[in-house]
Amino acid sequence: MPISARDVISLSQARANLSELADQVKDGVEKIVTKNGESYVAIIDSQRLDYYHQLERERIHLLLMEDAGNGLADISAGKTKQARSALSALKAKPCSQNNWLNCRVTVRQVVRLTAHFERNLEEVEAFLREAEAPQAFDALLDELIDTVIPNLERFPGMGRSFLELPTRSVEASNGIVRLTGQLNAIAEASELREYVMTLPAAVRADQRYDTPALDPPPSTAFV
């Protein structure tokens, strides 16, 4: 329902008529409350608010599916890099400060980055530098190198299954089917899992090989 002029009220009016406004909102209208002549807050029905939140979650879900699809395409095309070396190059620190990266990892899990993930990192870096917050990008790289990659090397099954997340639209359901096909084309029994960070979320694909130890080891790729 469009917002009309009579649905825009001042904060003082809202305070004086809150009960009446709540009844009107429950009947389907939405109110814009102004403060000092500018939009301040909105009053909407709680069920409609929940519906808006569902739409936003679905939009995010579809965006993540698009990112995941691009990443899986990179994996199929062999466009991946060893994660530790790629992220360390981004940090561009002297080798003496990164000697720990050369330590032998005792687990067999290999973490790799797709070209799409690298492009996303470049966009994040450009955005943060434009916002004059380069330290935030450094913090993101530190989080990936110091926490995320070691976690995935030790516990590759971390995170919830991305393909099992509930869908609320035909577009999302079709996206799940498309991603499943891409994943199966890479390796049988592969998984797409979601790793949620305090910084930007990352989605990764786990490739699992039912092969002897001499064959390629399992790997986790950030997509």
Protein backbone atom coordinates (compact mmCIF):
# COMPACT_ATOMS: atom_id res chain seq x y z
CA MET A 1 0.00 0.00 0.00
CA PRO A 2 1.49 3.39 -0.99
CA ILE A 3 2.25 5.97 1.69
CA SER A 4 -0.03 9.02 1.50
CA ALA A 5 0.46 12.48 2.99
CA ARG A 6 -1.87 11.69 5.88
CA ASP A 7 0.33 8.73 6.84
CA VAL A 8 3.29 11.02 7.53
CA ILE A 9 3.09 12.32 11.09
CA SER A 10 5.36 14.11 13.52
CA LEU A 11 6.93 12.46 16.54
CA SER A 12 4.81 14.57 18.88
CA GLN A 13 1.62 13.43 17.07
CA ALA A 14 2.76 9.82 17.31
CA ARG A 15 3.31 10.13 21.06
CA ALA A 16 -0.13 11.64 21.59
CA ASN A 17 -2.01 9.17 19.38
CA LEU A 18 -0.01 5.95 19.61
CA SER A 19 -2.96 3.68 20.41
CA GLU A 20 -5.04 5.02 17.52
CA LEU A 21 -2.06 4.78 15.16
CA ALA A 22 -1.45 1.17 16.20
CA ASP A 23 -5.06 0.30 15.32
CA GLN A 24 -4.69 1.96 11.91
CA VAL A 25 -1.46 0.09 11.24
CA LYS A 26 -3.09 -3.18 12.25
CA ASP A 27 -5.76 -2.44 9.62
CA GLY A 28 -3.11 -2.35 6.92
CA VAL A 29 -1.66 1.17 6.67
CA GLU A 30 1.93 2.17 7.39
CA LYS A 31 2.99 5.37 9.13
CA ILE A 32 6.14 7.44 8.69
CA VAL A 33 7.13 9.35 11.81
CA THR A 34 9.17 12.51 11.31
CA LYS A 35 11.51 14.33 13.67
CA ASN A 36 12.63 17.89 13.03
CA GLY A 37 10.95 17.70 9.63
CA GLU A 38 12.83 14.59 8.46
CA SER A 39 11.89 10.90 8.28
CA TYR A 40 12.73 9.23 11.59
CA VAL A 41 11.03 5.84 12.03
CA ALA A 42 8.16 3.83 10.56
CA ILE A 43 5.22 2.13 12.25
CA ILE A 44 4.17 -1.07 10.50
CA ASP A 45 2.26 -4.23 11.38
CA SER A 46 4.46 -6.89 13.01
CA GLN A 47 3.38 -9.58 10.53
CA ARG A 48 4.22 -7.30 7.61
CA LEU A 49 7.60 -6.56 9.19
CA ASP A 50 8.26 -10.29 9.43
CA TYR A 51 7.28 -10.62 5.76
CA TYR A 52 9.73 -7.87 4.81
CA HIS A 53 12.47 -9.65 6.75
CA GLN A 54 11.69 -12.88 4.91
CA LEU A 55 11.96 -11.07 1.58
CA GLU A 56 15.31 -9.61 2.60
CA ARG A 57 16.61 -13.01 3.70
CA GLU A 58 15.47 -14.50 0.39
CA ARG A 59 17.22 -11.73 -1.55
CA ILE A 60 20.45 -12.42 0.36
CA HIS A 61 19.99 -16.15 -0.27
CA LEU A 62 19.69 -15.55 -4.02
CA LEU A 63 22.79 -13.31 -4.02
CA LEU A 64 24.76 -15.99 -2.18
CA MET A 65 23.57 -18.57 -4.71
CA GLU A 66 24.85 -16.39 -7.54
CA ASP A 67 28.22 -16.04 -5.80
CA ALA A 68 28.35 -19.78 -5.13
CA GLY A 69 27.55 -20.57 -8.76
CA ASN A 70 30.33 -18.29 -9.99
CA GLY A 71 32.74 -19.91 -7.56
CA LEU A 72 31.80 -23.44 -8.60
CA ALA A 73 32.31 -22.43 -12.23
CA ASP A 74 35.83 -21.29 -11.28
CA ILE A 75 36.49 -24.64 -9.60
CA SER A 76 35.35 -26.51 -12.72
CA ALA A 77 37.63 -24.31 -14.84
CA GLY A 78 40.58 -24.82 -12.49
CA LYS A 79 40.69 -21.14 -11.54
CA THR A 80 41.76 -21.58 -7.92
CA LYS A 81 44.82 -20.68 -5.86
CA GLN A 82 46.29 -21.99 -2.65
CA ALA A 83 44.53 -19.88 -0.02
CA ARG A 84 47.40 -19.19 2.35
CA SER A 85 49.79 -17.95 -0.33
CA ALA A 86 47.12 -15.92 -2.12
CA LEU A 87 45.97 -14.13 1.03
CA SER A 88 49.53 -13.58 2.20
CA ALA A 89 50.33 -11.93 -1.13
CA LEU A 90 47.40 -9.58 -0.56
CA LYS A 91 48.81 -8.58 2.79
CA ALA A 92 52.21 -8.04 1.12
CA LYS A 93 54.12 -8.48 4.37
CA PRO A 94 57.82 -9.37 4.44
CA CYS A 95 58.46 -13.07 4.41
CA SER A 96 60.11 -12.82 7.80
CA GLN A 97 56.75 -11.90 9.30
CA ASN A 98 55.02 -14.85 7.70
CA ASN A 99 57.42 -17.68 8.45
CA TRP A 100 54.62 -19.54 10.19
CA LEU A 101 52.91 -19.92 6.82
CA ASN A 102 55.70 -22.21 5.70
CA CYS A 103 55.17 -24.61 8.59
CA ARG A 104 54.12 -28.06 7.50
CA VAL A 105 50.40 -28.65 8.03
CA THR A 106 49.86 -32.03 9.57
CA VAL A 107 46.30 -32.45 8.24
CA ARG A 108 45.65 -33.36 4.63
CA GLN A 109 42.98 -30.73 3.95
CA VAL A 110 43.96 -28.12 1.36
CA VAL A 111 42.15 -24.78 1.33
CA ARG A 112 41.98 -22.95 -1.99
CA LEU A 113 40.47 -19.68 -3.23
CA THR A 114 38.48 -19.35 -6.44
CA ALA A 115 39.05 -16.49 -8.85
CA HIS A 116 35.55 -15.25 -8.02
CA PHE A 117 36.40 -15.07 -4.31
CA GLU A 118 39.51 -13.07 -5.13
CA ARG A 119 37.46 -10.66 -7.21
CA ASN A 120 35.07 -10.23 -4.28
CA LEU A 121 38.03 -9.47 -2.02
CA GLU A 122 39.26 -6.84 -4.47
CA GLU A 123 35.83 -5.19 -4.46
CA VAL A 124 35.73 -5.24 -0.66
CA GLU A 125 39.21 -3.69 -0.53
CA ALA A 126 38.25 -0.94 -3.00
CA PHE A 127 35.08 -0.15 -1.05
CA LEU A 128 36.84 0.02 2.31
CA ARG A 129 39.70 2.12 0.98
CA GLU A 130 37.23 4.54 -0.58
CA ALA A 131 35.51 4.70 2.81
CA GLU A 132 38.94 5.46 4.34
CA ALA A 133 38.86 2.26 6.38
CA PRO A 134 41.79 0.21 5.03
CA GLN A 135 42.33 -1.24 8.51
CA ALA A 136 39.03 -3.09 8.13
CA PHE A 137 40.35 -4.90 5.06
CA ASP A 138 43.54 -5.81 6.93
CA ALA A 139 41.36 -7.18 9.73
CA LEU A 140 39.44 -9.28 7.20
CA LEU A 141 42.65 -10.77 5.79
CA ASP A 142 43.94 -11.45 9.31
CA GLU A 143 40.67 -13.21 10.16
CA LEU A 144 40.92 -15.37 7.03
CA ILE A 145 44.61 -16.25 7.52
CA ASP A 146 44.72 -16.62 11.30
CA THR A 147 41.31 -18.17 12.01
CA VAL A 148 39.22 -19.28 9.02
CA ILE A 149 41.84 -21.19 7.04
CA PRO A 150 43.30 -23.02 10.07
CA ASN A 151 39.76 -23.95 11.14
CA LEU A 152 38.93 -25.39 7.72
CA GLU A 153 42.25 -27.24 7.51
CA ARG A 154 41.44 -29.00 10.77
CA PHE A 155 37.64 -29.23 10.53
CA PRO A 156 36.60 -29.22 6.84
CA GLY A 157 33.02 -30.16 7.74
CA MET A 158 32.40 -26.91 9.61
CA GLY A 159 29.31 -24.85 8.81
CA ARG A 160 25.77 -25.68 7.83
CA SER A 161 24.89 -27.14 4.44
CA PHE A 162 24.10 -24.26 2.08
CA LEU A 163 21.95 -26.46 -0.15
CA GLU A 164 19.74 -27.40 2.82
CA LEU A 165 18.84 -23.82 3.72
CA PRO A 166 15.05 -23.25 3.42
CA THR A 167 13.90 -21.62 0.19
CA ARG A 168 10.93 -19.27 -0.09
CA SER A 169 10.73 -18.68 -3.82
CA VAL A 170 10.80 -20.53 -7.13
CA GLU A 171 13.99 -18.66 -8.02
CA ALA A 172 15.75 -19.97 -4.91
CA SER A 173 14.52 -23.54 -5.51
CA ASN A 174 15.79 -23.41 -9.10
CA GLY A 175 19.07 -22.02 -7.81
CA ILE A 176 19.49 -25.00 -5.48
CA VAL A 177 18.96 -27.38 -8.41
CA ARG A 178 21.51 -25.48 -10.52
CA LEU A 179 24.12 -25.43 -7.74
CA THR A 180 23.62 -29.14 -7.05
CA GLY A 181 24.32 -29.89 -10.70
CA GLN A 182 27.46 -27.74 -10.70
CA LEU A 183 28.67 -29.36 -7.51
CA ASN A 184 28.13 -32.92 -8.73
CA ALA A 185 29.97 -32.09 -11.95
CA ILE A 186 33.06 -31.18 -9.90
CA ALA A 187 33.20 -34.29 -7.73
CA GLU A 188 30.74 -36.82 -6.37
CA ALA A 189 29.67 -36.41 -2.74
CA SER A 190 30.84 -32.79 -2.74
CA GLU A 191 29.27 -30.33 -0.33
CA LEU A 192 28.55 -26.62 -0.30
CA ARG A 193 28.79 -25.22 3.22
CA GLU A 194 28.32 -21.79 4.72
CA TYR A 195 30.99 -20.36 7.01
CA VAL A 196 29.65 -17.33 8.88
CA MET A 197 32.23 -14.81 10.06
CA THR A 198 31.99 -11.74 12.24
CA LEU A 199 33.32 -10.03 9.09
CA PRO A 200 31.82 -10.77 5.63
CA ALA A 201 30.32 -14.25 5.29
CA ALA A 202 32.07 -16.77 3.09
CA VAL A 203 30.58 -19.72 1.29
CA ARG A 204 32.83 -22.62 0.44
CA ALA A 205 32.61 -25.86 -1.49
CA ASP A 206 34.04 -29.07 -0.07
CA GLN A 207 35.33 -31.59 -2.62
CA ARG A 208 35.57 -35.10 -1.23
CA TYR A 209 37.46 -37.85 -3.02
CA ASP A 210 36.83 -41.55 -2.38
CA THR A 211 40.37 -42.39 -3.52
CA PRO A 212 43.58 -43.77 -2.00
CA ALA A 213 45.98 -41.49 -0.11
CA LEU A 214 48.26 -41.14 -3.15
CA ASP A 215 45.53 -39.42 -5.15
CA PRO A 216 44.62 -35.70 -4.75
CA PRO A 217 43.69 -34.86 -1.15
CA PRO A 218 40.31 -33.45 -0.16
CA SER A 219 40.17 -29.73 -0.64
CA THR A 220 38.05 -26.81 0.47
CA ALA A 221 37.59 -23.90 -1.91
CA PHE A 222 36.27 -20.49 -1.02
CA VAL A 223 33.77 -19.52 -3.70
